[in-house]
PDB file of N, CA and C in Angstrom:
ATOM      1  N   UNK A   1       0.835  -1.074   0.185  1.00  0.00           N
ATOM      2  CA  UNK A   1      -0.248   0.176  -0.030  1.00  0.00           C
ATOM      3  C   UNK A   1       0.942   1.176  -0.187  1.00  0.00           C
ATOM      4  N   UNK A   2       0.614   1.945  -0.836  1.00  0.00           N
ATOM      5  CA  UNK A   2       1.525   3.385  -1.172  1.00  0.00           C
ATOM      6  C   UNK A   2       1.081   4.599   0.074  1.00  0.00           C
ATOM      7  N   UNK A   3       2.109   4.728   0.735  1.00  0.00           N
ATOM      8  CA  UNK A   3       2.087   6.191   1.662  1.00  0.00           C
ATOM      9  C   UNK A   3       3.066   7.182   1.398  1.00  0.00           C
ATOM     10  N   UNK A   4       2.142   8.231   0.892  1.00  0.00           N
ATOM     11  CA  UNK A   4       3.103   9.066   0.048  1.00  0.00           C
ATOM     12  C   UNK A   4       4.348   9.935   1.299  1.00  0.00           C
ATOM     13  N   UNK A   5       4.961  10.595   1.294  1.00  0.00           N
ATOM     14  CA  UNK A   5       5.974  11.316   1.754  1.00  0.00           C
ATOM     15  C   UNK A   5       5.227  12.404   2.651  1.00  0.00           C
ATOM     16  N   UNK A   6       5.158  12.425   3.914  1.00  0.00           N
ATOM     17  CA  UNK A   6       4.348  13.272   4.647  1.00  0.00           C
ATOM     18  C   UNK A   6       5.305  14.601   4.500  1.00  0.00           C
ATOM     19  N   UNK A   7       6.442  14.719   4.139  1.00  0.00           N
ATOM     20  CA  UNK A   7       6.868  16.189   3.652  1.00  0.00           C
ATOM     21  C   UNK A   7       6.214  16.957   2.329  1.00  0.00           C
ATOM     22  N   UNK A   8       5.783  16.241   1.665  1.00  0.00           N
ATOM     23  CA  UNK A   8       5.713  16.055   0.188  1.00  0.00           C
ATOM     24  C   UNK A   8       4.982  17.939  -0.254  1.00  0.00           C
ATOM     25  N   UNK A   9       4.574  18.606   0.875  1.00  0.00           N
ATOM     26  CA  UNK A   9       4.256  19.956   0.786  1.00  0.00           C
ATOM     27  C   UNK A   9       5.140  21.004   0.943  1.00  0.00           C
ATOM     28  N   UNK A  10       6.346  20.656   1.894  1.00  0.00           N
ATOM     29  CA  UNK A  10       7.434  21.682   1.925  1.00  0.00           C
ATOM     30  C   UNK A  10       8.355  21.677   1.021  1.00  0.00           C
ATOM     31  N   UNK A  11       8.479  20.946  -0.221  1.00  0.00           N
ATOM     32  CA  UNK A  11       9.566  20.362  -0.941  1.00  0.00           C
ATOM     33  C   UNK A  11       9.011  21.414  -2.124  1.00  0.00           C
ATOM     34  N   UNK A  12       7.497  21.825  -2.812  1.00  0.00           N
ATOM     35  CA  UNK A  12       7.217  22.638  -3.574  1.00  0.00           C
ATOM     36  C   UNK A  12       6.682  23.973  -3.190  1.00  0.00           C
ATOM     37  N   UNK A  13       6.735  24.862  -3.895  1.00  0.00           N
ATOM     38  CA  UNK A  13       6.086  26.282  -4.037  1.00  0.00           C
ATOM     39  C   UNK A  13       4.377  26.171  -4.660  1.00  0.00           C
ATOM     40  N   UNK A  14       3.729  26.894  -4.553  1.00  0.00           N
ATOM     41  CA  UNK A  14       2.374  26.806  -4.809  1.00  0.00           C
ATOM     42  C   UNK A  14       1.676  28.039  -4.852  1.00  0.00           C
ATOM     43  N   UNK A  15       1.143  28.371  -6.264  1.00  0.00           N
ATOM     44  CA  UNK A  15       0.503  29.738  -6.453  1.00  0.00           C
ATOM     45  C   UNK A  15      -0.734  29.697  -6.742  1.00  0.00           C
ATOM     46  N   UNK A  16      -1.242  30.813  -5.930  1.00  0.00           N
ATOM     47  CA  UNK A  16      -2.605  31.007  -5.910  1.00  0.00           C
ATOM     48  C   UNK A  16      -3.207  31.114  -7.746  1.00  0.00           C
ATOM     49  N   UNK A  17      -4.337  30.426  -8.005  1.00  0.00           N
ATOM     50  CA  UNK A  17      -4.940  30.715  -9.513  1.00  0.00           C
ATOM     51  C   UNK A  17      -6.210  31.384  -9.375  1.00  0.00           C
ATOM     52  N   UNK A  18      -6.147  32.604 -10.219  1.00  0.00           N
ATOM     53  CA  UNK A  18      -6.913  33.179 -10.024  1.00  0.00           C
ATOM     54  C   UNK A  18      -7.622  33.473  -8.623  1.00  0.00           C
ATOM     55  N   UNK A  19      -8.893  33.840  -8.883  1.00  0.00           N
ATOM     56  CA  UNK A  19      -9.549  34.499  -7.456  1.00  0.00           C
ATOM     57  C   UNK A  19     -10.187  33.364  -6.619  1.00  0.00           C
ATOM     58  N   UNK A  20      -9.744  31.967  -7.155  1.00  0.00           N
ATOM     59  CA  UNK A  20     -10.759  30.651  -6.817  1.00  0.00           C
ATOM     60  C   UNK A  20     -10.303  30.405  -5.354  1.00  0.00           C
ATOM     61  N   UNK A  21      -9.063  30.565  -5.222  1.00  0.00           N
ATOM     62  CA  UNK A  21      -8.306  30.108  -4.022  1.00  0.00           C
ATOM     63  C   UNK A  21      -7.708  28.898  -4.006  1.00  0.00           C
ATOM     64  N   UNK A  22      -7.641  28.077  -5.164  1.00  0.00           N
ATOM     65  CA  UNK A  22      -7.171  27.378  -5.749  1.00  0.00           C
ATOM     66  C   UNK A  22      -5.739  27.635  -5.844  1.00  0.00           C
ATOM     67  N   UNK A  23      -4.971  26.277  -5.014  1.00  0.00           N
ATOM     68  CA  UNK A  23      -3.103  26.283  -5.127  1.00  0.00           C
ATOM     69  C   UNK A  23      -3.029  25.505  -5.824  1.00  0.00           C
ATOM     70  N   UNK A  24      -2.085  25.663  -6.921  1.00  0.00           N
ATOM     71  CA  UNK A  24      -1.537  24.913  -8.172  1.00  0.00           C
ATOM     72  C   UNK A  24       0.020  24.881  -7.482  1.00  0.00           C
ATOM     73  N   UNK A  25       1.186  24.062  -7.906  1.00  0.00           N
ATOM     74  CA  UNK A  25       2.332  23.632  -7.589  1.00  0.00           C
ATOM     75  C   UNK A  25       2.774  24.248  -8.849  1.00  0.00           C
ATOM     76  N   UNK A  26       4.001  24.683  -8.719  1.00  0.00           N
ATOM     77  CA  UNK A  26       4.662  25.847  -9.788  1.00  0.00           C
ATOM     78  C   UNK A  26       5.283  24.352 -10.621  1.00  0.00           C
ATOM     79  N   UNK A  27       5.041  23.445 -10.436  1.00  0.00           N
ATOM     80  CA  UNK A  27       5.447  22.117 -11.483  1.00  0.00           C
ATOM     81  C   UNK A  27       4.553  21.405 -11.690  1.00  0.00           C
ATOM     82  N   UNK A  28       4.002  20.487 -12.830  1.00  0.00           N
ATOM     83  CA  UNK A  28       2.852  19.753 -12.973  1.00  0.00           C
ATOM     84  C   UNK A  28       3.561  18.883 -13.971  1.00  0.00           C
ATOM     85  N   UNK A  29       2.744  17.472 -13.939  1.00  0.00           N
ATOM     86  CA  UNK A  29       3.224  16.514 -14.529  1.00  0.00           C
ATOM     87  C   UNK A  29       2.129  15.967 -15.692  1.00  0.00           C
ATOM     88  N   UNK A  30       3.022  16.658 -16.965  1.00  0.00           N
ATOM     89  CA  UNK A  30       1.935  16.146 -18.069  1.00  0.00           C
ATOM     90  C   UNK A  30       2.476  14.434 -18.163  1.00  0.00           C
ATOM     91  N   UNK A  31       1.316  14.017 -18.883  1.00  0.00           N
ATOM     92  CA  UNK A  31       1.572  12.456 -19.238  1.00  0.00           C
ATOM     93  C   UNK A  31       1.501  12.180 -20.697  1.00  0.00           C
ATOM     94  N   UNK A  32       1.763  12.947 -21.084  1.00  0.00           N
ATOM     95  CA  UNK A  32       1.509  13.041 -22.935  1.00  0.00           C
ATOM     96  C   UNK A  32       2.191  11.532 -23.621  1.00  0.00           C
ATOM     97  N   UNK A  33       3.284  11.652 -23.944  1.00  0.00           N
ATOM     98  CA  UNK A  33       4.166  10.676 -24.448  1.00  0.00           C
ATOM     99  C   UNK A  33       4.455   9.562 -23.444  1.00  0.00           C
ATOM    100  N   UNK A  34       4.554   9.468 -22.252  1.00  0.00           N
ATOM    101  CA  UNK A  34       5.123   8.519 -21.439  1.00  0.00           C
ATOM    102  C   UNK A  34       3.861   7.647 -20.745  1.00  0.00           C
ATOM    103  N   UNK A  35       2.772   7.486 -20.724  1.00  0.00           N
ATOM    104  CA  UNK A  35       2.011   6.919 -20.535  1.00  0.00           C
ATOM    105  C   UNK A  35       0.802   6.041 -20.955  1.00  0.00           C
ATOM    106  N   UNK A  36       1.285   6.158 -22.283  1.00  0.00           N
ATOM    107  CA  UNK A  36       0.407   4.868 -22.962  1.00  0.00           C
ATOM    108  C   UNK A  36       0.777   3.767 -23.323  1.00  0.00           C
ATOM    109  N   UNK A  37       0.755   3.210 -24.118  1.00  0.00           N
ATOM    110  CA  UNK A  37       0.870   1.801 -24.382  1.00  0.00           C
ATOM    111  C   UNK A  37       2.679   1.436 -24.732  1.00  0.00           C
ATOM    112  N   UNK A  38       3.228   2.625 -24.854  1.00  0.00           N
ATOM    113  CA  UNK A  38       4.749   2.315 -24.606  1.00  0.00           C
ATOM    114  C   UNK A  38       5.452   2.246 -23.351  1.00  0.00           C
ATOM    115  N   UNK A  39       4.642   1.970 -22.577  1.00  0.00           N
ATOM    116  CA  UNK A  39       5.192   1.839 -20.969  1.00  0.00           C
ATOM    117  C   UNK A  39       4.836   0.969 -20.245  1.00  0.00           C
ATOM    118  N   UNK A  40       5.250   0.498 -19.119  1.00  0.00           N
ATOM    119  CA  UNK A  40       4.581  -0.552 -18.171  1.00  0.00           C
ATOM    120  C   UNK A  40       3.625   0.401 -16.884  1.00  0.00           C
ATOM    121  N   UNK A  41       2.810  -0.250 -16.593  1.00  0.00           N
ATOM    122  CA  UNK A  41       2.145   0.315 -15.571  1.00  0.00           C
ATOM    123  C   UNK A  41       3.019   0.843 -14.411  1.00  0.00           C
ATOM    124  N   UNK A  42       3.680  -0.513 -14.391  1.00  0.00           N
ATOM    125  CA  UNK A  42       4.808  -0.117 -12.924  1.00  0.00           C
ATOM    126  C   UNK A  42       5.512   1.004 -13.120  1.00  0.00           C
ATOM    127  N   UNK A  43       6.377   1.470 -14.411  1.00  0.00           N
ATOM    128  CA  UNK A  43       7.048   2.754 -14.588  1.00  0.00           C
ATOM    129  C   UNK A  43       6.180   4.020 -14.300  1.00  0.00           C
ATOM    130  N   UNK A  44       5.118   3.785 -15.188  1.00  0.00           N
ATOM    131  CA  UNK A  44       4.139   4.929 -14.755  1.00  0.00           C
ATOM    132  C   UNK A  44       3.802   5.135 -13.295  1.00  0.00           C
ATOM    133  N   UNK A  45       3.743   4.074 -12.835  1.00  0.00           N
ATOM    134  CA  UNK A  45       3.041   4.254 -11.336  1.00  0.00           C
ATOM    135  C   UNK A  45       4.531   5.199 -10.561  1.00  0.00           C
ATOM    136  N   UNK A  46       5.551   4.425 -10.726  1.00  0.00           N
ATOM    137  CA  UNK A  46       6.730   5.070  -9.956  1.00  0.00           C
ATOM    138  C   UNK A  46       7.023   6.623 -10.289  1.00  0.00           C
ATOM    139  N   UNK A  47       6.828   6.984 -11.600  1.00  0.00           N
ATOM    140  CA  UNK A  47       7.066   8.289 -12.014  1.00  0.00           C
ATOM    141  C   UNK A  47       5.855   9.212 -11.143  1.00  0.00           C
ATOM    142  N   UNK A  48       4.625   8.795 -11.117  1.00  0.00           N
ATOM    143  CA  UNK A  48       3.562   9.448 -10.473  1.00  0.00           C
ATOM    144  C   UNK A  48       3.672   9.593  -8.766  1.00  0.00           C
ATOM    145  N   UNK A  49       4.153   8.742  -8.645  1.00  0.00           N
ATOM    146  CA  UNK A  49       4.843   8.697  -6.968  1.00  0.00           C
ATOM    147  C   UNK A  49       5.596   9.557  -6.749  1.00  0.00           C
ATOM    148  N   UNK A  50       6.793   9.396  -7.537  1.00  0.00           N
ATOM    149  CA  UNK A  50       7.950  10.009  -7.276  1.00  0.00           C
ATOM    150  C   UNK A  50       7.332  11.644  -7.118  1.00  0.00           C
ATOM    151  N   UNK A  51       6.357  12.055  -8.538  1.00  0.00           N
ATOM    152  CA  UNK A  51       5.950  13.342  -8.196  1.00  0.00           C
ATOM    153  C   UNK A  51       5.373  13.619  -7.262  1.00  0.00           C
ATOM    154  N   UNK A  52       4.405  13.118  -7.053  1.00  0.00           N
ATOM    155  CA  UNK A  52       3.540  13.382  -5.508  1.00  0.00           C
ATOM    156  C   UNK A  52       4.066  13.389  -4.290  1.00  0.00           C
ATOM    157  N   UNK A  53       5.084  12.521  -4.106  1.00  0.00           N
ATOM    158  CA  UNK A  53       6.122  12.598  -3.428  1.00  0.00           C
ATOM    159  C   UNK A  53       7.303  13.849  -3.002  1.00  0.00           C
ATOM    160  N   UNK A  54       6.683  14.626  -4.039  1.00  0.00           N
ATOM    161  CA  UNK A  54       7.815  15.976  -4.700  1.00  0.00           C
ATOM    162  C   UNK A  54       6.964  17.034  -4.527  1.00  0.00           C
ATOM    163  N   UNK A  55       5.617  16.700  -3.973  1.00  0.00           N
ATOM    164  CA  UNK A  55       4.396  17.931  -4.013  1.00  0.00           C
ATOM    165  C   UNK A  55       3.751  18.371  -5.092  1.00  0.00           C
ATOM    166  N   UNK A  56       4.031  17.449  -6.424  1.00  0.00           N
ATOM    167  CA  UNK A  56       3.215  17.954  -7.638  1.00  0.00           C
ATOM    168  C   UNK A  56       1.807  17.128  -7.522  1.00  0.00           C
ATOM    169  N   UNK A  57       0.715  17.934  -7.454  1.00  0.00           N
ATOM    170  CA  UNK A  57      -0.543  17.553  -7.339  1.00  0.00           C
ATOM    171  C   UNK A  57      -1.186  17.858  -8.784  1.00  0.00           C
ATOM    172  N   UNK A  58      -0.682  18.751  -9.445  1.00  0.00           N
ATOM    173  CA  UNK A  58      -1.468  19.085 -10.935  1.00  0.00           C
ATOM    174  C   UNK A  58      -0.608  18.094 -11.695  1.00  0.00           C
ATOM    175  N   UNK A  59      -1.558  16.923 -12.415  1.00  0.00           N
ATOM    176  CA  UNK A  59      -1.623  15.998 -13.469  1.00  0.00           C
ATOM    177  C   UNK A  59      -2.412  16.348 -14.615  1.00  0.00           C
ATOM    178  N   UNK A  60      -1.917  16.550 -15.728  1.00  0.00           N
ATOM    179  CA  UNK A  60      -2.277  17.018 -16.964  1.00  0.00           C
ATOM    180  C   UNK A  60      -2.401  15.876 -17.821  1.00  0.00           C
ATOM    181  N   UNK A  61      -3.614  15.481 -18.392  1.00  0.00           N
ATOM    182  CA  UNK A  61      -3.627  14.207 -19.019  1.00  0.00           C
ATOM    183  C   UNK A  61      -5.011  14.680 -20.250  1.00  0.00           C
ATOM    184  N   UNK A  62      -5.182  14.218 -21.448  1.00  0.00           N
ATOM    185  CA  UNK A  62      -6.150  14.304 -22.010  1.00  0.00           C
ATOM    186  C   UNK A  62      -6.658  13.275 -23.029  1.00  0.00           C
ATOM    187  N   UNK A  63      -7.491  13.270 -23.772  1.00  0.00           N
ATOM    188  CA  UNK A  63      -8.027  12.267 -24.194  1.00  0.00           C
ATOM    189  C   UNK A  63      -7.434  11.632 -25.591  1.00  0.00           C
ATOM    190  N   UNK A  64      -6.302  12.660 -25.992  1.00  0.00           N
ATOM    191  CA  UNK A  64      -5.286  12.037 -26.967  1.00  0.00           C
ATOM    192  C   UNK A  64      -4.119  12.184 -26.868  1.00  0.00           C
ATOM    193  N   UNK A  65      -3.542  12.026 -25.020  1.00  0.00           N
ATOM    194  CA  UNK A  65      -2.653  11.440 -24.805  1.00  0.00           C
ATOM    195  C   UNK A  65      -2.178   9.863 -25.133  1.00  0.00           C
ATOM    196  N   UNK A  66      -1.270   9.664 -25.160  1.00  0.00           N
ATOM    197  CA  UNK A  66      -0.914   8.172 -25.391  1.00  0.00           C
ATOM    198  C   UNK A  66       0.943   7.943 -25.637  1.00  0.00           C
ATOM    199  N   UNK A  67       1.068   7.103 -26.398  1.00  0.00           N
ATOM    200  CA  UNK A  67      -0.082   6.677 -27.737  1.00  0.00           C
ATOM    201  C   UNK A  67      -0.496   5.312 -27.174  1.00  0.00           C
ATOM    202  N   UNK A  68      -1.239   4.841 -27.494  1.00  0.00           N
ATOM    203  CA  UNK A  68      -2.534   5.201 -28.474  1.00  0.00           C
ATOM    204  C   UNK A  68      -3.292   6.535 -27.531  1.00  0.00           C
ATOM    205  N   UNK A  69      -4.023   7.236 -28.833  1.00  0.00           N
ATOM    206  CA  UNK A  69      -4.922   8.121 -28.122  1.00  0.00           C
ATOM    207  C   UNK A  69      -5.757   7.775 -26.721  1.00  0.00           C
ATOM    208  N   UNK A  70      -5.813   8.446 -25.653  1.00  0.00           N
ATOM    209  CA  UNK A  70      -6.766   7.878 -24.511  1.00  0.00           C
ATOM    210  C   UNK A  70      -6.204   7.417 -23.959  1.00  0.00           C
ATOM    211  N   UNK A  71      -5.319   6.429 -24.222  1.00  0.00           N
ATOM    212  CA  UNK A  71      -4.178   5.560 -23.194  1.00  0.00           C
ATOM    213  C   UNK A  71      -3.884   6.337 -21.955  1.00  0.00           C
ATOM    214  N   UNK A  72      -3.605   7.307 -21.971  1.00  0.00           N
ATOM    215  CA  UNK A  72      -3.239   7.806 -20.834  1.00  0.00           C
ATOM    216  C   UNK A  72      -4.011   8.416 -19.682  1.00  0.00           C
ATOM    217  N   UNK A  73      -5.145   8.597 -20.027  1.00  0.00           N
ATOM    218  CA  UNK A  73      -6.284   8.479 -18.731  1.00  0.00           C
ATOM    219  C   UNK A  73      -6.727   7.425 -18.619  1.00  0.00           C
ATOM    220  N   UNK A  74      -6.846   6.337 -19.975  1.00  0.00           N
ATOM    221  CA  UNK A  74      -7.178   4.903 -18.953  1.00  0.00           C
ATOM    222  C   UNK A  74      -6.175   4.024 -17.960  1.00  0.00           C
ATOM    223  N   UNK A  75      -4.802   4.631 -18.057  1.00  0.00           N
ATOM    224  CA  UNK A  75      -3.589   4.210 -17.412  1.00  0.00           C
ATOM    225  C   UNK A  75      -3.728   5.266 -16.246  1.00  0.00           C
ATOM    226  N   UNK A  76      -3.967   6.160 -16.385  1.00  0.00           N
ATOM    227  CA  UNK A  76      -4.012   7.237 -14.677  1.00  0.00           C
ATOM    228  C   UNK A  76      -5.134   6.978 -14.025  1.00  0.00           C
ATOM    229  N   UNK A  77      -6.361   6.333 -14.370  1.00  0.00           N
ATOM    230  CA  UNK A  77      -7.524   5.566 -14.133  1.00  0.00           C
ATOM    231  C   UNK A  77      -6.864   4.511 -13.293  1.00  0.00           C
ATOM    232  N   UNK A  78      -6.459   4.012 -14.012  1.00  0.00           N
ATOM    233  CA  UNK A  78      -5.545   2.725 -13.406  1.00  0.00           C
ATOM    234  C   UNK A  78      -4.832   2.590 -11.973  1.00  0.00           C
ATOM    235  N   UNK A  79      -3.712   3.511 -12.039  1.00  0.00           N
ATOM    236  CA  UNK A  79      -3.167   4.201 -10.997  1.00  0.00           C
ATOM    237  C   UNK A  79      -4.161   4.747 -10.050  1.00  0.00           C
ATOM    238  N   UNK A  80      -5.024   5.370 -10.453  1.00  0.00           N
ATOM    239  CA  UNK A  80      -5.893   6.608  -9.630  1.00  0.00           C
ATOM    240  C   UNK A  80      -6.230   4.987  -8.572  1.00  0.00           C
ATOM    241  N   UNK A  81      -6.955   4.083  -9.159  1.00  0.00           N
ATOM    242  CA  UNK A  81      -7.780   3.089  -8.198  1.00  0.00           C
ATOM    243  C   UNK A  81      -6.577   2.329  -7.689  1.00  0.00           C
ATOM    244  N   UNK A  82      -5.287   1.889  -7.885  1.00  0.00           N
ATOM    245  CA  UNK A  82      -4.215   1.391  -7.339  1.00  0.00           C
ATOM    246  C   UNK A  82      -3.649   1.935  -6.222  1.00  0.00           C
ATOM    247  N   UNK A  83      -3.271   3.041  -6.061  1.00  0.00           N
ATOM    248  CA  UNK A  83      -2.531   3.874  -5.548  1.00  0.00           C
ATOM    249  C   UNK A  83      -2.944   5.319  -5.035  1.00  0.00           C
ATOM    250  N   UNK A  84      -3.588   5.998  -5.657  1.00  0.00           N
ATOM    251  CA  UNK A  84      -3.847   7.314  -5.212  1.00  0.00           C
ATOM    252  C   UNK A  84      -5.322   7.662  -4.837  1.00  0.00           C
ATOM    253  N   UNK A  85      -6.256   7.038  -4.717  1.00  0.00           N
ATOM    254  CA  UNK A  85      -7.711   6.964  -4.639  1.00  0.00           C
ATOM    255  C   UNK A  85      -7.786   7.863  -3.235  1.00  0.00           C
ATOM    256  N   UNK A  86      -7.218   7.124  -1.893  1.00  0.00           N
ATOM    257  CA  UNK A  86      -7.011   7.742  -0.692  1.00  0.00           C
ATOM    258  C   UNK A  86      -6.610   9.536  -0.611  1.00  0.00           C
ATOM    259  N   UNK A  87      -5.895   9.973  -1.642  1.00  0.00           N
ATOM    260  CA  UNK A  87      -5.378  11.414  -1.846  1.00  0.00           C
ATOM    261  C   UNK A  87      -5.815  12.027  -3.230  1.00  0.00           C
ATOM    262  N   UNK A  88      -7.116  11.389  -3.487  1.00  0.00           N
ATOM    263  CA  UNK A  88      -7.943  12.104  -4.774  1.00  0.00           C
ATOM    264  C   UNK A  88      -7.824  13.593  -4.248  1.00  0.00           C
ATOM    265  N   UNK A  89      -8.449  13.915  -3.301  1.00  0.00           N
ATOM    266  CA  UNK A  89      -8.916  15.241  -2.718  1.00  0.00           C
ATOM    267  C   UNK A  89      -7.398  16.191  -2.772  1.00  0.00           C
ATOM    268  N   UNK A  90      -6.261  15.534  -2.944  1.00  0.00           N
ATOM    269  CA  UNK A  90      -5.332  16.583  -2.628  1.00  0.00           C
ATOM    270  C   UNK A  90      -4.820  16.613  -4.031  1.00  0.00           C
ATOM    271  N   UNK A  91      -5.392  15.956  -5.166  1.00  0.00           N
ATOM    272  CA  UNK A  91      -5.019  16.030  -6.619  1.00  0.00           C
ATOM    273  C   UNK A  91      -6.121  17.375  -7.517  1.00  0.00           C
ATOM    274  N   UNK A  92      -5.013  17.726  -8.626  1.00  0.00           N
ATOM    275  CA  UNK A  92      -5.923  18.629  -9.482  1.00  0.00           C
ATOM    276  C   UNK A  92      -5.751  17.705 -10.706  1.00  0.00           C
ATOM    277  N   UNK A  93      -6.368  17.056 -11.129  1.00  0.00           N
ATOM    278  CA  UNK A  93      -6.515  16.514 -12.214  1.00  0.00           C
ATOM    279  C   UNK A  93      -6.861  17.195 -13.735  1.00  0.00           C
ATOM    280  N   UNK A  94      -6.240  17.617 -14.528  1.00  0.00           N
ATOM    281  CA  UNK A  94      -6.577  18.323 -15.761  1.00  0.00           C
ATOM    282  C   UNK A  94      -6.600  17.527 -17.407  1.00  0.00           C
ATOM    283  N   UNK A  95      -7.828  17.158 -17.689  1.00  0.00           N
ATOM    284  CA  UNK A  95      -8.102  16.183 -18.980  1.00  0.00           C
ATOM    285  C   UNK A  95      -8.932  17.224 -20.007  1.00  0.00           C
TER     286      UNK A  95
END
């Protein structure tokens, strides 16, 4: 069972997004070409866990990310179920 770094928010700077009160990290993780059918789910999971442990809470994916189109969303959904469901309220997922 994945337990994230308890100091993950100390390592990252966050900035307010507009007037909403939402704070986003200065760095986000884009899942464009590394999260499709060209990689293993275990490798994708390691990348996402390292990012989250470092304070990255913004994950950028879209239905045309892959390759093949849509596989980044599918794989990230698998990772949410596998590792990140308890932390969903701490994540901003742009699709």
